[in-house]
Amino acid sequence: MKKKTPNYLLSVLTNKCPRCRQGNLFVSRKPYALKHNRFMKMNETCPVCGQPTDIEVGFYYGTSYVSYALTVAFSVATFIAWKVLIGMSFSIDDNRVFYWFFVNLVLLLVMQPLFMRFARSLWLSWFVKYNPRWQDEAVKENERVIKEYMKGW
């Protein structure tokens, strides 16, 4: 009997390991555990398959671009929804665009922990591929890992 492959999008949205799609990437499952900056603390390795989450020094700097793209896409979506539902025109007398700006700003601030975690999960999934035989195959060693510099930012 063939085992069903876990869904890629669902595993990225739930912050699962991209190699086995079962282990949690983050120590805390709560994205709003802002106390002591725990909401972004990642496991050093996947608790299920042992895949390292910090592949190389500075690996997660690229997630800033992903997070930026997500927030821009979210802002465009809220603008379109606001325009369709509320309606607005670009004139001197209509200031509803400022209401959208304020609502969008609040939503972005509230959802930022979700965007940041999703960006890391997505970024890692682009570099670590799913392995259906992860139980039988060992984790590949990364070439450019310098242990002394890991977790240094």
Protein backbone atom coordinates (compact mmCIF):
# COMPACT_ATOMS: atom_id res chain seq x y z
CA MET A 1 0.00 0.00 0.00
CA LYS A 2 1.45 3.32 -1.06
CA LYS A 3 1.66 5.98 1.62
CA LYS A 4 -0.05 9.29 0.82
CA THR A 5 2.29 12.26 0.33
CA PRO A 6 1.56 15.08 2.79
CA ASN A 7 0.29 18.24 1.13
CA TYR A 8 3.04 20.78 0.42
CA LEU A 9 0.97 23.92 0.98
CA LEU A 10 -0.59 22.57 4.17
CA SER A 11 2.81 21.62 5.58
CA VAL A 12 4.22 25.07 4.81
CA LEU A 13 1.18 26.84 6.30
CA THR A 14 1.41 24.74 9.48
CA ASN A 15 5.20 25.26 9.72
CA LYS A 16 6.18 21.63 9.31
CA CYS A 17 9.59 20.31 8.29
CA PRO A 18 9.88 20.26 4.48
CA ARG A 19 11.83 16.98 4.47
CA CYS A 20 9.35 14.80 6.38
CA ARG A 21 6.39 17.22 6.56
CA GLN A 22 5.67 16.00 10.09
CA GLY A 23 7.96 17.72 12.60
CA ASN A 24 7.40 21.26 13.85
CA LEU A 25 9.93 23.87 12.71
CA PHE A 26 9.29 26.21 15.63
CA VAL A 27 9.70 25.50 19.33
CA SER A 28 6.37 27.13 20.14
CA ARG A 29 3.31 26.38 18.06
CA LYS A 30 1.86 29.73 19.12
CA PRO A 31 2.77 32.55 16.71
CA TYR A 32 1.81 35.16 19.28
CA ALA A 33 4.02 33.89 22.10
CA LEU A 34 5.87 37.21 22.04
CA LYS A 35 7.31 36.79 25.52
CA HIS A 36 11.10 36.40 25.36
CA ASN A 37 10.94 36.34 21.53
CA ARG A 38 9.81 32.69 21.56
CA PHE A 39 7.52 33.08 18.57
CA MET A 40 10.48 32.93 16.15
CA LYS A 41 12.66 30.41 17.99
CA MET A 42 13.21 27.44 15.71
CA ASN A 43 14.22 23.90 16.59
CA GLU A 44 17.85 23.29 15.66
CA THR A 45 16.79 20.09 13.92
CA CYS A 46 13.44 18.61 13.04
CA PRO A 47 12.21 16.58 16.03
CA VAL A 48 10.98 13.83 13.67
CA CYS A 49 13.60 13.38 10.94
CA GLY A 50 16.61 15.35 12.21
CA GLN A 51 16.79 17.80 9.30
CA PRO A 52 18.80 20.89 10.38
CA THR A 53 16.75 24.08 10.20
CA ASP A 54 19.76 26.41 10.05
CA ILE A 55 21.31 25.23 6.80
CA GLU A 56 24.11 27.79 6.59
CA VAL A 57 25.24 31.05 8.09
CA GLY A 58 22.80 33.85 7.25
CA PHE A 59 20.38 31.43 5.60
CA TYR A 60 17.24 33.22 6.75
CA TYR A 61 18.22 36.70 5.53
CA GLY A 62 16.35 35.90 2.31
CA THR A 63 13.11 35.55 4.22
CA SER A 64 12.91 39.33 4.49
CA TYR A 65 12.18 39.43 0.75
CA VAL A 66 9.56 36.69 1.08
CA SER A 67 7.92 38.46 4.02
CA TYR A 68 7.94 41.73 2.08
CA ALA A 69 6.26 40.06 -0.90
CA LEU A 70 3.64 38.53 1.39
CA THR A 71 2.83 41.85 3.04
CA VAL A 72 2.61 43.64 -0.33
CA ALA A 73 0.28 40.92 -1.67
CA PHE A 74 -1.82 41.18 1.50
CA SER A 75 -2.00 44.98 1.18
CA VAL A 76 -3.06 44.77 -2.46
CA ALA A 77 -5.72 42.19 -1.55
CA THR A 78 -7.10 44.36 1.27
CA PHE A 79 -7.08 47.41 -1.02
CA ILE A 80 -9.06 45.57 -3.68
CA ALA A 81 -11.48 44.20 -1.08
CA TRP A 82 -11.89 47.68 0.42
CA LYS A 83 -12.52 49.22 -2.98
CA VAL A 84 -15.09 46.56 -3.90
CA LEU A 85 -16.89 46.48 -0.54
CA ILE A 86 -16.62 50.09 0.65
CA GLY A 87 -15.89 51.85 -2.61
CA MET A 88 -13.68 54.88 -2.94
CA SER A 89 -12.69 57.40 -5.50
CA PHE A 90 -9.48 59.32 -5.71
CA SER A 91 -10.68 62.86 -5.17
CA ILE A 92 -9.97 65.62 -2.71
CA ASP A 93 -13.34 65.15 -0.99
CA ASP A 94 -13.05 61.36 -0.51
CA ASN A 95 -10.78 60.39 2.36
CA ARG A 96 -11.78 56.70 2.58
CA VAL A 97 -8.34 55.70 1.29
CA PHE A 98 -6.91 56.91 4.61
CA TYR A 99 -9.33 54.64 6.48
CA TRP A 100 -8.11 51.72 4.37
CA PHE A 101 -4.51 52.74 5.09
CA PHE A 102 -5.15 52.72 8.84
CA VAL A 103 -7.04 49.38 8.79
CA ASN A 104 -4.34 47.83 6.61
CA LEU A 105 -1.60 49.09 8.93
CA VAL A 106 -3.29 47.58 11.98
CA LEU A 107 -3.87 44.27 10.19
CA LEU A 108 -0.25 44.13 9.05
CA LEU A 109 1.00 44.76 12.58
CA VAL A 110 -1.28 42.10 14.02
CA MET A 111 -0.43 39.53 11.35
CA GLN A 112 3.32 40.17 11.18
CA PRO A 113 4.27 37.17 13.37
CA LEU A 114 2.26 34.92 11.03
CA PHE A 115 3.94 36.40 7.95
CA MET A 116 7.41 36.02 9.45
CA ARG A 117 6.89 32.37 10.41
CA PHE A 118 5.29 31.57 7.06
CA ALA A 119 8.18 33.26 5.22
CA ARG A 120 10.73 31.10 7.08
CA SER A 121 8.77 27.94 6.47
CA LEU A 122 8.36 28.76 2.78
CA TRP A 123 12.03 29.75 2.37
CA LEU A 124 13.25 26.51 3.95
CA SER A 125 10.89 24.46 1.79
CA TRP A 126 12.50 25.89 -1.34
CA PHE A 127 15.91 24.56 -0.34
CA VAL A 128 15.00 21.31 1.43
CA LYS A 129 12.89 18.97 -0.65
CA TYR A 130 10.41 16.40 0.56
CA ASN A 131 11.89 12.93 0.84
CA PRO A 132 9.31 10.12 0.93
CA ARG A 133 12.04 7.76 2.18
CA TRP A 134 13.25 10.08 4.95
CA GLN A 135 13.15 7.23 7.49
CA ASP A 136 15.61 5.13 5.47
CA GLU A 137 17.99 7.86 4.27
CA ALA A 138 20.30 9.91 6.44
CA VAL A 139 20.19 13.70 6.46
CA LYS A 140 22.67 15.23 4.00
CA GLU A 141 25.48 17.20 5.60
CA ASN A 142 25.66 20.79 4.46
CA GLU A 143 28.95 21.94 2.99
CA ARG A 144 28.99 25.54 4.16
CA VAL A 145 28.07 25.14 7.83
CA ILE A 146 30.43 26.72 10.33
CA LYS A 147 29.23 25.58 13.76
CA GLU A 148 30.78 28.56 15.55
CA TYR A 149 28.76 31.05 13.49
CA MET A 150 25.37 29.29 13.71
CA LYS A 151 22.63 31.15 15.59
CA GLY A 152 24.90 34.20 15.59
CA TRP A 153 22.38 36.81 14.53
